[in-house]
Amino acid sequence: MIRFGILGAARIAPVAVIRPAALLPAVKVTAVAASSPGKARAFADQHDVPGIAENYSALIDSADVDAVYNALPPNLHEQWTVAALKSGKHVLCEKPFAMNAAQARRMVDTADASKRILVEAFHYRFHPYFQRVLELLADNVIGDIRYIKARFDVRIPYHSSEFRHDPMLGGGALMDLGCYPVHWVRTLMGSAPRVVQAECVRSEAGVDVATRASLSFPGGVTAEISTAMDETAAEKHHAHVVIEGDKGRLTLENPIAPHNGNKIIVESKGSSHSESISGESTYFYQLTHFVAIAEGSEAALTGGEDAVGNMQLIDNIYAAAGFARPEIV
């Protein structure tokens, strides 16, 4: 049994942990901490969480917590992930993993020194849908990859309380949404690309509300990623990936939340067909995988080095775009 404590009464927490935990006998959510005891109590009452911690420190030091789900804004990820690891807790940390690659490296080094599990919550990675994509590529259905185009956008209207529009809290389209296309292309290629060109659209609040980047991988493979949260973005999330090989093409529709409907369009050898992959929510498989890592039966698919690599590419895209960000050590 892994007893989870939740850091942050975030909207994602019930979807990512509480609901899937109810389906897994090996997981129990035992406590929550929020920015105030009142918020924690309201969250606990609404979602039937038995324990309420007075503050973040109390939660990570609790004897009733084995693992922490860090759902705080990105600017608080390093501080409280490191504190939890040093307190002997495993950590499932929301994306984006940190404010930059330097923070990510310190988090991973702490996990290694503490001999604790640290996983970035790229939930899509664990669903049978993405496993099927990787199988098709491994089976050489489209031959060698030559080009990837990946996009994820969601319209997120400005509000003063919305952290995604606050650069000091780790907001921005690339950080919050574009981290997925970044991760998709890195996972599909299994290597780190060079940023050829990038551009960002800056809002009055100081975050990028749209970002595009051209990438080059070893061996000549190229990729384009794009993301947006302004008025150019879809009102509901739009996730789309095209993988072109020298023998065909895969088109991925809704790779981020395949439990809400998905399709893989396979074009190869002059013919075309589509596949839809059934399954539970991506978050169910994510929590199942986390338990397996804790039990020693599986290796982390989105562990420390992967998280550092993703943050490094995000840093590199901002740098290539000449996009000034807050100076955060």
C-alpha atoms as a PDB file:
ATOM      1  CA  MET A   1       0.000   0.000   0.000  1.00  0.00           C
ATOM      2  CA  ILE A   2       1.299   3.443  -0.991  1.00  0.00           C
ATOM      3  CA  ARG A   3      -0.253   6.281   0.971  1.00  0.00           C
ATOM      4  CA  PHE A   4      -0.349   9.513  -1.045  1.00  0.00           C
ATOM      5  CA  GLY A   5      -0.400  13.039   0.265  1.00  0.00           C
ATOM      6  CA  ILE A   6      -1.452  15.819  -2.102  1.00  0.00           C
ATOM      7  CA  LEU A   7       0.437  19.110  -2.160  1.00  0.00           C
ATOM      8  CA  GLY A   8      -1.928  21.745  -3.500  1.00  0.00           C
ATOM      9  CA  ALA A   9      -5.707  21.754  -3.830  1.00  0.00           C
ATOM     10  CA  ALA A  10      -5.383  21.970  -7.612  1.00  0.00           C
ATOM     11  CA  ARG A  11      -8.104  21.138 -10.134  1.00  0.00           C
ATOM     12  CA  ILE A  12      -5.929  18.400 -11.593  1.00  0.00           C
ATOM     13  CA  ALA A  13      -5.485  16.522  -8.307  1.00  0.00           C
ATOM     14  CA  PRO A  14      -8.832  14.655  -8.287  1.00  0.00           C
ATOM     15  CA  VAL A  15      -8.346  13.612 -11.920  1.00  0.00           C
ATOM     16  CA  ALA A  16      -4.681  12.665 -11.592  1.00  0.00           C
ATOM     17  CA  VAL A  17      -4.664  10.928  -8.223  1.00  0.00           C
ATOM     18  CA  ILE A  18      -7.920  10.709  -6.284  1.00  0.00           C
ATOM     19  CA  ARG A  19     -10.087   9.044  -8.932  1.00  0.00           C
ATOM     20  CA  PRO A  20      -7.501   6.524 -10.167  1.00  0.00           C
ATOM     21  CA  ALA A  21      -6.495   5.752  -6.567  1.00  0.00           C
ATOM     22  CA  ALA A  22     -10.070   4.661  -5.908  1.00  0.00           C
ATOM     23  CA  LEU A  23      -9.577   1.943  -8.545  1.00  0.00           C
ATOM     24  CA  LEU A  24      -6.238   0.725  -7.199  1.00  0.00           C
ATOM     25  CA  PRO A  25      -6.146  -1.322  -3.978  1.00  0.00           C
ATOM     26  CA  ALA A  26      -2.420  -0.561  -3.678  1.00  0.00           C
ATOM     27  CA  VAL A  27      -2.994   3.204  -3.373  1.00  0.00           C
ATOM     28  CA  LYS A  28      -4.715   5.303  -0.748  1.00  0.00           C
ATOM     29  CA  VAL A  29      -4.934   9.094  -0.581  1.00  0.00           C
ATOM     30  CA  THR A  30      -4.474   9.944   3.085  1.00  0.00           C
ATOM     31  CA  ALA A  31      -3.962  13.712   3.304  1.00  0.00           C
ATOM     32  CA  VAL A  32      -3.971  17.058   1.518  1.00  0.00           C
ATOM     33  CA  ALA A  33      -2.252  20.374   2.182  1.00  0.00           C
ATOM     34  CA  ALA A  34      -3.145  23.654   0.496  1.00  0.00           C
ATOM     35  CA  SER A  35      -2.161  27.308   0.672  1.00  0.00           C
ATOM     36  CA  SER A  36      -4.393  27.587   3.736  1.00  0.00           C
ATOM     37  CA  PRO A  37      -5.978  25.084   6.164  1.00  0.00           C
ATOM     38  CA  GLY A  38      -9.391  26.287   5.035  1.00  0.00           C
ATOM     39  CA  LYS A  39      -8.706  25.429   1.402  1.00  0.00           C
ATOM     40  CA  ALA A  40      -7.330  22.050   2.428  1.00  0.00           C
ATOM     41  CA  ARG A  41     -10.422  21.312   4.498  1.00  0.00           C
ATOM     42  CA  ALA A  42     -12.788  22.311   1.694  1.00  0.00           C
ATOM     43  CA  PHE A  43     -10.868  20.106  -0.755  1.00  0.00           C
ATOM     44  CA  ALA A  44     -10.803  17.177   1.693  1.00  0.00           C
ATOM     45  CA  ASP A  45     -14.538  17.454   2.357  1.00  0.00           C
ATOM     46  CA  GLN A  46     -15.351  17.588  -1.347  1.00  0.00           C
ATOM     47  CA  HIS A  47     -13.152  14.622  -2.293  1.00  0.00           C
ATOM     48  CA  ASP A  48     -13.353  12.458   0.847  1.00  0.00           C
ATOM     49  CA  VAL A  49      -9.692  12.822   1.786  1.00  0.00           C
ATOM     50  CA  PRO A  50      -9.357  11.720   5.441  1.00  0.00           C
ATOM     51  CA  GLY A  51      -6.390  13.845   6.502  1.00  0.00           C
ATOM     52  CA  ILE A  52      -5.789  17.593   6.466  1.00  0.00           C
ATOM     53  CA  ALA A  53      -2.271  18.943   6.960  1.00  0.00           C
ATOM     54  CA  GLU A  54      -1.911  22.442   8.391  1.00  0.00           C
ATOM     55  CA  ASN A  55       0.765  23.309   5.841  1.00  0.00           C
ATOM     56  CA  TYR A  56       3.062  21.786   3.239  1.00  0.00           C
ATOM     57  CA  SER A  57       5.769  20.932   5.762  1.00  0.00           C
ATOM     58  CA  ALA A  58       3.312  19.052   7.941  1.00  0.00           C
ATOM     59  CA  LEU A  59       2.205  16.944   4.997  1.00  0.00           C
ATOM     60  CA  ILE A  60       5.665  15.914   3.843  1.00  0.00           C
ATOM     61  CA  ASP A  61       6.667  15.076   7.423  1.00  0.00           C
ATOM     62  CA  SER A  62       3.522  13.052   8.088  1.00  0.00           C
ATOM     63  CA  ALA A  63       3.989   9.443   9.139  1.00  0.00           C
ATOM     64  CA  ASP A  64       0.772   8.673   7.234  1.00  0.00           C
ATOM     65  CA  VAL A  65       2.280   9.646   3.862  1.00  0.00           C
ATOM     66  CA  ASP A  66       4.629   7.489   1.763  1.00  0.00           C
ATOM     67  CA  ALA A  67       4.495   9.488  -1.470  1.00  0.00           C
ATOM     68  CA  VAL A  68       3.678  13.061  -2.423  1.00  0.00           C
ATOM     69  CA  TYR A  69       1.825  14.303  -5.473  1.00  0.00           C
ATOM     70  CA  ASN A  70       3.164  17.802  -6.131  1.00  0.00           C
ATOM     71  CA  ALA A  71       0.371  19.739  -7.825  1.00  0.00           C
ATOM     72  CA  LEU A  72       1.686  23.172  -6.847  1.00  0.00           C
ATOM     73  CA  PRO A  73       2.555  25.837  -9.449  1.00  0.00           C
ATOM     74  CA  PRO A  74       5.934  25.238 -11.143  1.00  0.00           C
ATOM     75  CA  ASN A  75       7.750  27.893  -9.102  1.00  0.00           C
ATOM     76  CA  LEU A  76       7.175  25.743  -6.002  1.00  0.00           C
ATOM     77  CA  HIS A  77       8.108  22.399  -7.524  1.00  0.00           C
ATOM     78  CA  GLU A  78      11.782  22.406  -6.609  1.00  0.00           C
ATOM     79  CA  GLN A  79      11.352  23.637  -3.037  1.00  0.00           C
ATOM     80  CA  TRP A  80       8.693  21.162  -1.996  1.00  0.00           C
ATOM     81  CA  THR A  81       9.828  18.227  -4.111  1.00  0.00           C
ATOM     82  CA  VAL A  82      13.313  18.462  -2.606  1.00  0.00           C
ATOM     83  CA  ALA A  83      11.834  18.808   0.896  1.00  0.00           C
ATOM     84  CA  ALA A  84       9.617  15.759   0.370  1.00  0.00           C
ATOM     85  CA  LEU A  85      12.490  13.664  -0.969  1.00  0.00           C
ATOM     86  CA  LYS A  86      14.687  14.620   1.973  1.00  0.00           C
ATOM     87  CA  SER A  87      11.823  13.609   4.250  1.00  0.00           C
ATOM     88  CA  GLY A  88      11.919  10.138   2.733  1.00  0.00           C
ATOM     89  CA  LYS A  89       8.878  10.454   0.459  1.00  0.00           C
ATOM     90  CA  HIS A  90       8.562   9.382  -3.145  1.00  0.00           C
ATOM     91  CA  VAL A  91       7.312  12.164  -5.441  1.00  0.00           C
ATOM     92  CA  LEU A  92       5.038  12.323  -8.454  1.00  0.00           C
ATOM     93  CA  CYS A  93       5.611  15.868  -9.719  1.00  0.00           C
ATOM     94  CA  GLU A  94       3.290  17.659 -12.111  1.00  0.00           C
ATOM     95  CA  LYS A  95       4.597  19.054 -15.343  1.00  0.00           C
ATOM     96  CA  PRO A  96       6.363  21.269 -16.126  1.00  0.00           C
ATOM     97  CA  PHE A  97       8.860  19.627 -13.808  1.00  0.00           C
ATOM     98  CA  ALA A  98      10.610  22.830 -12.712  1.00  0.00           C
ATOM     99  CA  MET A  99      11.269  26.430 -13.703  1.00  0.00           C
ATOM    100  CA  ASN A 100      14.404  25.465 -15.630  1.00  0.00           C
ATOM    101  CA  ALA A 101      16.884  22.643 -16.185  1.00  0.00           C
ATOM    102  CA  ALA A 102      19.128  23.735 -13.306  1.00  0.00           C
ATOM    103  CA  GLN A 103      16.285  23.291 -10.837  1.00  0.00           C
ATOM    104  CA  ALA A 104      15.384  19.971 -12.433  1.00  0.00           C
ATOM    105  CA  ARG A 105      18.953  18.727 -12.004  1.00  0.00           C
ATOM    106  CA  ARG A 106      18.943  19.597  -8.292  1.00  0.00           C
ATOM    107  CA  MET A 107      15.646  17.785  -7.832  1.00  0.00           C
ATOM    108  CA  VAL A 108      16.949  14.658  -9.545  1.00  0.00           C
ATOM    109  CA  ASP A 109      20.232  14.738  -7.629  1.00  0.00           C
ATOM    110  CA  THR A 110      18.269  14.917  -4.375  1.00  0.00           C
ATOM    111  CA  ALA A 111      16.146  11.932  -5.410  1.00  0.00           C
ATOM    112  CA  ASP A 112      19.279   9.945  -6.214  1.00  0.00           C
ATOM    113  CA  ALA A 113      20.921  10.864  -2.917  1.00  0.00           C
ATOM    114  CA  SER A 114      17.718  10.061  -0.984  1.00  0.00           C
ATOM    115  CA  LYS A 115      17.156   6.822  -2.902  1.00  0.00           C
ATOM    116  CA  ARG A 116      13.558   7.891  -3.495  1.00  0.00           C
ATOM    117  CA  ILE A 117      11.388   7.743  -6.632  1.00  0.00           C
ATOM    118  CA  LEU A 118      10.865  10.949  -8.608  1.00  0.00           C
ATOM    119  CA  VAL A 119       8.571  10.866 -11.641  1.00  0.00           C
ATOM    120  CA  GLU A 120       7.263  13.638 -13.880  1.00  0.00           C
ATOM    121  CA  ALA A 121       3.522  13.345 -14.484  1.00  0.00           C
ATOM    122  CA  PHE A 122       3.433  12.956 -18.260  1.00  0.00           C
ATOM    123  CA  HIS A 123       0.366  10.749 -17.952  1.00  0.00           C
ATOM    124  CA  TYR A 124      -0.097  10.162 -21.699  1.00  0.00           C
ATOM    125  CA  ARG A 125       3.121   8.114 -21.772  1.00  0.00           C
ATOM    126  CA  PHE A 126       1.613   5.193 -19.859  1.00  0.00           C
ATOM    127  CA  HIS A 127      -1.582   4.630 -21.849  1.00  0.00           C
ATOM    128  CA  PRO A 128      -1.866   1.652 -24.253  1.00  0.00           C
ATOM    129  CA  TYR A 129      -2.447   4.200 -27.022  1.00  0.00           C
ATOM    130  CA  PHE A 130       1.100   5.516 -26.881  1.00  0.00           C
ATOM    131  CA  GLN A 131       2.469   2.022 -26.373  1.00  0.00           C
ATOM    132  CA  ARG A 132       0.777   1.074 -29.640  1.00  0.00           C
ATOM    133  CA  VAL A 133       2.404   4.040 -31.401  1.00  0.00           C
ATOM    134  CA  LEU A 134       5.811   2.876 -30.210  1.00  0.00           C
ATOM    135  CA  GLU A 135       5.036  -0.677 -31.334  1.00  0.00           C
ATOM    136  CA  LEU A 136       4.190   0.506 -34.845  1.00  0.00           C
ATOM    137  CA  LEU A 137       7.451   2.408 -35.033  1.00  0.00           C
ATOM    138  CA  ALA A 138       9.437  -0.519 -33.652  1.00  0.00           C
ATOM    139  CA  ASP A 139       7.806  -2.778 -36.258  1.00  0.00           C
ATOM    140  CA  ASN A 140       9.135  -0.420 -38.967  1.00  0.00           C
ATOM    141  CA  VAL A 141       5.642   0.161 -40.341  1.00  0.00           C
ATOM    142  CA  ILE A 142       6.592   3.599 -41.655  1.00  0.00           C
ATOM    143  CA  GLY A 143      10.314   2.967 -41.955  1.00  0.00           C
ATOM    144  CA  ASP A 144      12.856   5.388 -40.566  1.00  0.00           C
ATOM    145  CA  ILE A 145      11.447   8.584 -39.114  1.00  0.00           C
ATOM    146  CA  ARG A 146      12.245  11.644 -41.205  1.00  0.00           C
ATOM    147  CA  TYR A 147       9.975  14.385 -39.839  1.00  0.00           C
ATOM    148  CA  ILE A 148       7.659  14.994 -36.874  1.00  0.00           C
ATOM    149  CA  LYS A 149       5.092  17.742 -36.429  1.00  0.00           C
ATOM    150  CA  ALA A 150       3.521  18.080 -32.976  1.00  0.00           C
ATOM    151  CA  ARG A 151       0.998  20.583 -31.676  1.00  0.00           C
ATOM    152  CA  PHE A 152      -0.945  21.084 -28.456  1.00  0.00           C
ATOM    153  CA  ASP A 153      -3.069  24.104 -27.718  1.00  0.00           C
ATOM    154  CA  VAL A 154      -5.832  25.096 -25.317  1.00  0.00           C
ATOM    155  CA  ARG A 155      -7.385  28.533 -25.019  1.00  0.00           C
ATOM    156  CA  ILE A 156      -6.685  29.844 -21.507  1.00  0.00           C
ATOM    157  CA  PRO A 157      -8.199  33.302 -21.027  1.00  0.00           C
ATOM    158  CA  TYR A 158      -6.267  35.770 -18.934  1.00  0.00           C
ATOM    159  CA  HIS A 159      -7.176  36.095 -15.276  1.00  0.00           C
ATOM    160  CA  SER A 160      -5.056  37.646 -12.567  1.00  0.00           C
ATOM    161  CA  SER A 161      -5.314  34.471 -10.462  1.00  0.00           C
ATOM    162  CA  GLU A 162      -4.330  32.126 -13.325  1.00  0.00           C
ATOM    163  CA  PHE A 163      -0.707  31.041 -12.779  1.00  0.00           C
ATOM    164  CA  ARG A 164      -0.324  30.155 -16.453  1.00  0.00           C
ATOM    165  CA  HIS A 165      -0.320  33.884 -17.191  1.00  0.00           C
ATOM    166  CA  ASP A 166       2.252  34.729 -14.515  1.00  0.00           C
ATOM    167  CA  PRO A 167       5.928  34.377 -15.515  1.00  0.00           C
ATOM    168  CA  MET A 168       7.089  34.327 -11.878  1.00  0.00           C
ATOM    169  CA  LEU A 169       4.919  31.273 -11.180  1.00  0.00           C
ATOM    170  CA  GLY A 170       6.139  29.330 -14.206  1.00  0.00           C
ATOM    171  CA  GLY A 171       3.400  30.288 -16.620  1.00  0.00           C
ATOM    172  CA  GLY A 172       3.528  30.388 -20.389  1.00  0.00           C
ATOM    173  CA  ALA A 173       2.263  28.287 -23.281  1.00  0.00           C
ATOM    174  CA  LEU A 174       5.546  26.439 -23.753  1.00  0.00           C
ATOM    175  CA  MET A 175       5.873  25.607 -20.071  1.00  0.00           C
ATOM    176  CA  ASP A 176       2.295  24.505 -19.462  1.00  0.00           C
ATOM    177  CA  LEU A 177       1.230  23.093 -22.829  1.00  0.00           C
ATOM    178  CA  GLY A 178       4.276  22.949 -25.075  1.00  0.00           C
ATOM    179  CA  CYS A 179       6.066  20.674 -22.645  1.00  0.00           C
ATOM    180  CA  TYR A 180       3.922  17.901 -24.171  1.00  0.00           C
ATOM    181  CA  PRO A 181       5.013  18.352 -27.814  1.00  0.00           C
ATOM    182  CA  VAL A 182       8.570  18.698 -26.506  1.00  0.00           C
ATOM    183  CA  HIS A 183       8.191  15.398 -24.689  1.00  0.00           C
ATOM    184  CA  TRP A 184       6.450  13.694 -27.603  1.00  0.00           C
ATOM    185  CA  VAL A 185       9.248  14.380 -30.060  1.00  0.00           C
ATOM    186  CA  ARG A 186      11.972  13.532 -27.537  1.00  0.00           C
ATOM    187  CA  THR A 187      10.273  10.253 -26.639  1.00  0.00           C
ATOM    188  CA  LEU A 188       9.638   9.279 -30.250  1.00  0.00           C
ATOM    189  CA  MET A 189      13.237   9.981 -31.229  1.00  0.00           C
ATOM    190  CA  GLY A 190      14.963   8.838 -28.030  1.00  0.00           C
ATOM    191  CA  SER A 191      17.514  11.630 -28.319  1.00  0.00           C
ATOM    192  CA  ALA A 192      18.011  15.356 -27.726  1.00  0.00           C
ATOM    193  CA  PRO A 193      17.571  17.761 -30.649  1.00  0.00           C
ATOM    194  CA  ARG A 194      19.198  21.054 -31.536  1.00  0.00           C
ATOM    195  CA  VAL A 195      16.933  24.095 -31.744  1.00  0.00           C
ATOM    196  CA  VAL A 196      17.245  25.508 -35.265  1.00  0.00           C
ATOM    197  CA  GLN A 197      14.796  28.370 -34.881  1.00  0.00           C
ATOM    198  CA  ALA A 198      12.102  29.461 -32.428  1.00  0.00           C
ATOM    199  CA  GLU A 199       9.665  32.302 -31.921  1.00  0.00           C
ATOM    200  CA  CYS A 200       7.350  33.306 -29.082  1.00  0.00           C
ATOM    201  CA  VAL A 201       4.415  35.693 -28.838  1.00  0.00           C
ATOM    202  CA  ARG A 202       4.678  37.657 -25.590  1.00  0.00           C
ATOM    203  CA  SER A 203       1.579  38.824 -23.734  1.00  0.00           C
ATOM    204  CA  GLU A 204       1.233  42.027 -21.741  1.00  0.00           C
ATOM    205  CA  ALA A 205       1.526  39.860 -18.635  1.00  0.00           C
ATOM    206  CA  GLY A 206       4.984  38.743 -19.755  1.00  0.00           C
ATOM    207  CA  VAL A 207       4.409  35.115 -20.719  1.00  0.00           C
ATOM    208  CA  ASP A 208       4.526  33.435 -24.104  1.00  0.00           C
ATOM    209  CA  VAL A 209       0.966  32.789 -25.249  1.00  0.00           C
ATOM    210  CA  ALA A 210       2.139  31.041 -28.423  1.00  0.00           C
ATOM    211  CA  THR A 211       5.438  29.387 -29.311  1.00  0.00           C
ATOM    212  CA  ARG A 212       6.819  27.596 -32.354  1.00  0.00           C
ATOM    213  CA  ALA A 213      10.161  25.841 -32.755  1.00  0.00           C
ATOM    214  CA  SER A 214      12.052  23.971 -35.465  1.00  0.00           C
ATOM    215  CA  LEU A 215      14.294  21.173 -34.228  1.00  0.00           C
ATOM    216  CA  SER A 216      17.013  18.985 -35.717  1.00  0.00           C
ATOM    217  CA  PHE A 217      17.855  15.532 -34.397  1.00  0.00           C
ATOM    218  CA  PRO A 218      20.994  13.497 -34.993  1.00  0.00           C
ATOM    219  CA  GLY A 219      20.794  11.676 -38.320  1.00  0.00           C
ATOM    220  CA  GLY A 220      18.993  14.474 -40.111  1.00  0.00           C
ATOM    221  CA  VAL A 221      15.497  14.042 -38.647  1.00  0.00           C
ATOM    222  CA  THR A 222      13.656  17.344 -38.288  1.00  0.00           C
ATOM    223  CA  ALA A 223      10.685  18.319 -36.149  1.00  0.00           C
ATOM    224  CA  GLU A 224       8.346  21.244 -35.666  1.00  0.00           C
ATOM    225  CA  ILE A 225       6.488  21.863 -32.452  1.00  0.00           C
ATOM    226  CA  SER A 226       3.883  24.502 -31.704  1.00  0.00           C
ATOM    227  CA  THR A 227       1.640  25.479 -28.843  1.00  0.00           C
ATOM    228  CA  ALA A 228      -0.772  28.278 -28.012  1.00  0.00           C
ATOM    229  CA  MET A 229      -3.123  29.408 -25.272  1.00  0.00           C
ATOM    230  CA  ASP A 230      -4.299  32.720 -26.772  1.00  0.00           C
ATOM    231  CA  GLU A 231      -7.264  33.427 -29.053  1.00  0.00           C
ATOM    232  CA  THR A 232      -5.605  31.423 -31.857  1.00  0.00           C
ATOM    233  CA  ALA A 233      -5.903  28.259 -29.780  1.00  0.00           C
ATOM    234  CA  ALA A 234      -8.803  25.842 -29.843  1.00  0.00           C
ATOM    235  CA  GLU A 235     -11.417  26.466 -27.153  1.00  0.00           C
ATOM    236  CA  LYS A 236     -11.043  22.854 -26.103  1.00  0.00           C
ATOM    237  CA  HIS A 237      -7.702  21.133 -26.184  1.00  0.00           C
ATOM    238  CA  HIS A 238      -6.275  20.213 -29.556  1.00  0.00           C
ATOM    239  CA  ALA A 239      -3.484  17.639 -29.635  1.00  0.00           C
ATOM    240  CA  HIS A 240      -2.099  16.338 -32.912  1.00  0.00           C
ATOM    241  CA  VAL A 241       1.109  14.623 -34.024  1.00  0.00           C
ATOM    242  CA  VAL A 242       2.245  13.612 -37.517  1.00  0.00           C
ATOM    243  CA  ILE A 243       5.205  11.240 -37.856  1.00  0.00           C
ATOM    244  CA  GLU A 244       6.552  10.885 -41.385  1.00  0.00           C
ATOM    245  CA  GLY A 245       8.873   8.036 -42.279  1.00  0.00           C
ATOM    246  CA  ASP A 246      10.562   6.994 -45.493  1.00  0.00           C
ATOM    247  CA  LYS A 247       7.908   4.287 -45.975  1.00  0.00           C
ATOM    248  CA  GLY A 248       4.750   5.917 -44.621  1.00  0.00           C
ATOM    249  CA  ARG A 249       3.103   8.160 -42.070  1.00  0.00           C
ATOM    250  CA  LEU A 250       1.415   7.961 -38.657  1.00  0.00           C
ATOM    251  CA  THR A 251      -1.109  10.585 -37.617  1.00  0.00           C
ATOM    252  CA  LEU A 252      -1.925  10.699 -33.911  1.00  0.00           C
ATOM    253  CA  GLU A 253      -5.216  12.251 -32.913  1.00  0.00           C
ATOM    254  CA  ASN A 254      -5.594  13.127 -29.238  1.00  0.00           C
ATOM    255  CA  PRO A 255      -2.409  11.518 -27.903  1.00  0.00           C
ATOM    256  CA  ILE A 256      -2.694  13.545 -24.694  1.00  0.00           C
ATOM    257  CA  ALA A 257      -6.015  12.140 -23.441  1.00  0.00           C
ATOM    258  CA  PRO A 258      -6.784   9.044 -25.515  1.00  0.00           C
ATOM    259  CA  HIS A 259      -9.341   7.876 -22.945  1.00  0.00           C
ATOM    260  CA  ASN A 260     -11.562  10.678 -24.297  1.00  0.00           C
ATOM    261  CA  GLY A 261     -11.386   9.326 -27.838  1.00  0.00           C
ATOM    262  CA  ASN A 262      -8.399   8.695 -30.063  1.00  0.00           C
ATOM    263  CA  LYS A 263      -7.200   7.552 -33.446  1.00  0.00           C
ATOM    264  CA  ILE A 264      -3.972   6.404 -35.051  1.00  0.00           C
ATOM    265  CA  ILE A 265      -4.051   6.764 -38.828  1.00  0.00           C
ATOM    266  CA  VAL A 266      -1.527   4.426 -40.443  1.00  0.00           C
ATOM    267  CA  GLU A 267      -0.437   5.105 -44.022  1.00  0.00           C
ATOM    268  CA  SER A 268       2.020   2.560 -45.369  1.00  0.00           C
ATOM    269  CA  LYS A 269       2.745   0.667 -48.582  1.00  0.00           C
ATOM    270  CA  GLY A 270       0.043   2.477 -50.517  1.00  0.00           C
ATOM    271  CA  SER A 271      -2.766   1.707 -48.093  1.00  0.00           C
ATOM    272  CA  SER A 272      -4.313   3.414 -45.105  1.00  0.00           C
ATOM    273  CA  HIS A 273      -6.189   2.295 -42.011  1.00  0.00           C
ATOM    274  CA  SER A 274      -7.024   3.716 -38.623  1.00  0.00           C
ATOM    275  CA  GLU A 275      -6.865   2.249 -35.148  1.00  0.00           C
ATOM    276  CA  SER A 276      -8.548   3.320 -31.931  1.00  0.00           C
ATOM    277  CA  ILE A 277      -7.121   2.089 -28.652  1.00  0.00           C
ATOM    278  CA  SER A 278      -9.391   1.464 -25.683  1.00  0.00           C
ATOM    279  CA  GLY A 279      -8.438   1.626 -22.043  1.00  0.00           C
ATOM    280  CA  GLU A 280      -8.816   3.383 -18.737  1.00  0.00           C
ATOM    281  CA  SER A 281      -7.765   6.995 -18.195  1.00  0.00           C
ATOM    282  CA  THR A 282      -4.143   7.920 -18.734  1.00  0.00           C
ATOM    283  CA  TYR A 283      -3.962   8.813 -15.038  1.00  0.00           C
ATOM    284  CA  PHE A 284      -4.935   5.276 -14.032  1.00  0.00           C
ATOM    285  CA  TYR A 285      -1.963   3.886 -15.945  1.00  0.00           C
ATOM    286  CA  GLN A 286       0.295   6.596 -14.549  1.00  0.00           C
ATOM    287  CA  LEU A 287      -0.542   5.701 -10.961  1.00  0.00           C
ATOM    288  CA  THR A 288      -0.274   1.993 -11.754  1.00  0.00           C
ATOM    289  CA  HIS A 289       3.194   2.600 -13.175  1.00  0.00           C
ATOM    290  CA  PHE A 290       4.219   4.611 -10.117  1.00  0.00           C
ATOM    291  CA  VAL A 291       3.244   1.717  -7.851  1.00  0.00           C
ATOM    292  CA  ALA A 292       5.202  -0.696 -10.037  1.00  0.00           C
ATOM    293  CA  ILE A 293       8.297   1.507  -9.775  1.00  0.00           C
ATOM    294  CA  ALA A 294       7.933   1.614  -5.989  1.00  0.00           C
ATOM    295  CA  GLU A 295       7.617  -2.166  -5.915  1.00  0.00           C
ATOM    296  CA  GLY A 296      10.702  -2.539  -8.095  1.00  0.00           C
ATOM    297  CA  SER A 297       8.932  -4.315 -10.951  1.00  0.00           C
ATOM    298  CA  GLU A 298       9.278  -1.509 -13.530  1.00  0.00           C
ATOM    299  CA  ALA A 299      11.766   1.237 -14.363  1.00  0.00           C
ATOM    300  CA  ALA A 300      10.487   4.809 -14.549  1.00  0.00           C
ATOM    301  CA  LEU A 301       9.497   5.873 -18.073  1.00  0.00           C
ATOM    302  CA  THR A 302       9.451   9.574 -17.165  1.00  0.00           C
ATOM    303  CA  GLY A 303      12.075   9.611 -14.442  1.00  0.00           C
ATOM    304  CA  GLY A 304      14.759  12.064 -13.463  1.00  0.00           C
ATOM    305  CA  GLU A 305      17.058  12.222 -16.477  1.00  0.00           C
ATOM    306  CA  ASP A 306      14.090  12.401 -18.821  1.00  0.00           C
ATOM    307  CA  ALA A 307      12.699  15.324 -16.817  1.00  0.00           C
ATOM    308  CA  VAL A 308      16.006  17.191 -16.917  1.00  0.00           C
ATOM    309  CA  GLY A 309      16.200  16.638 -20.677  1.00  0.00           C
ATOM    310  CA  ASN A 310      12.725  18.022 -21.200  1.00  0.00           C
ATOM    311  CA  MET A 311      13.416  21.144 -19.162  1.00  0.00           C
ATOM    312  CA  GLN A 312      16.721  21.647 -21.002  1.00  0.00           C
ATOM    313  CA  LEU A 313      14.979  21.638 -24.360  1.00  0.00           C
ATOM    314  CA  ILE A 314      12.359  24.092 -23.066  1.00  0.00           C
ATOM    315  CA  ASP A 315      15.183  26.355 -21.864  1.00  0.00           C
ATOM    316  CA  ASN A 316      16.874  26.067 -25.248  1.00  0.00           C
ATOM    317  CA  ILE A 317      13.705  26.973 -27.152  1.00  0.00           C
ATOM    318  CA  TYR A 318      13.176  30.096 -25.069  1.00  0.00           C
ATOM    319  CA  ALA A 319      16.821  31.047 -25.570  1.00  0.00           C
ATOM    320  CA  ALA A 320      16.640  30.525 -29.337  1.00  0.00           C
ATOM    321  CA  ALA A 321      13.531  32.698 -29.475  1.00  0.00           C
ATOM    322  CA  GLY A 322      15.292  35.445 -27.523  1.00  0.00           C
ATOM    323  CA  PHE A 323      12.478  35.304 -25.010  1.00  0.00           C
ATOM    324  CA  ALA A 324      13.481  36.953 -21.732  1.00  0.00           C
ATOM    325  CA  ARG A 325      12.332  35.039 -18.664  1.00  0.00           C
ATOM    326  CA  PRO A 326      12.566  35.828 -14.954  1.00  0.00           C
ATOM    327  CA  GLU A 327      16.065  35.239 -13.607  1.00  0.00           C
ATOM    328  CA  ILE A 328      15.516  32.230 -11.390  1.00  0.00           C
ATOM    329  CA  VAL A 329      18.487  30.315 -10.039  1.00  0.00           C
END
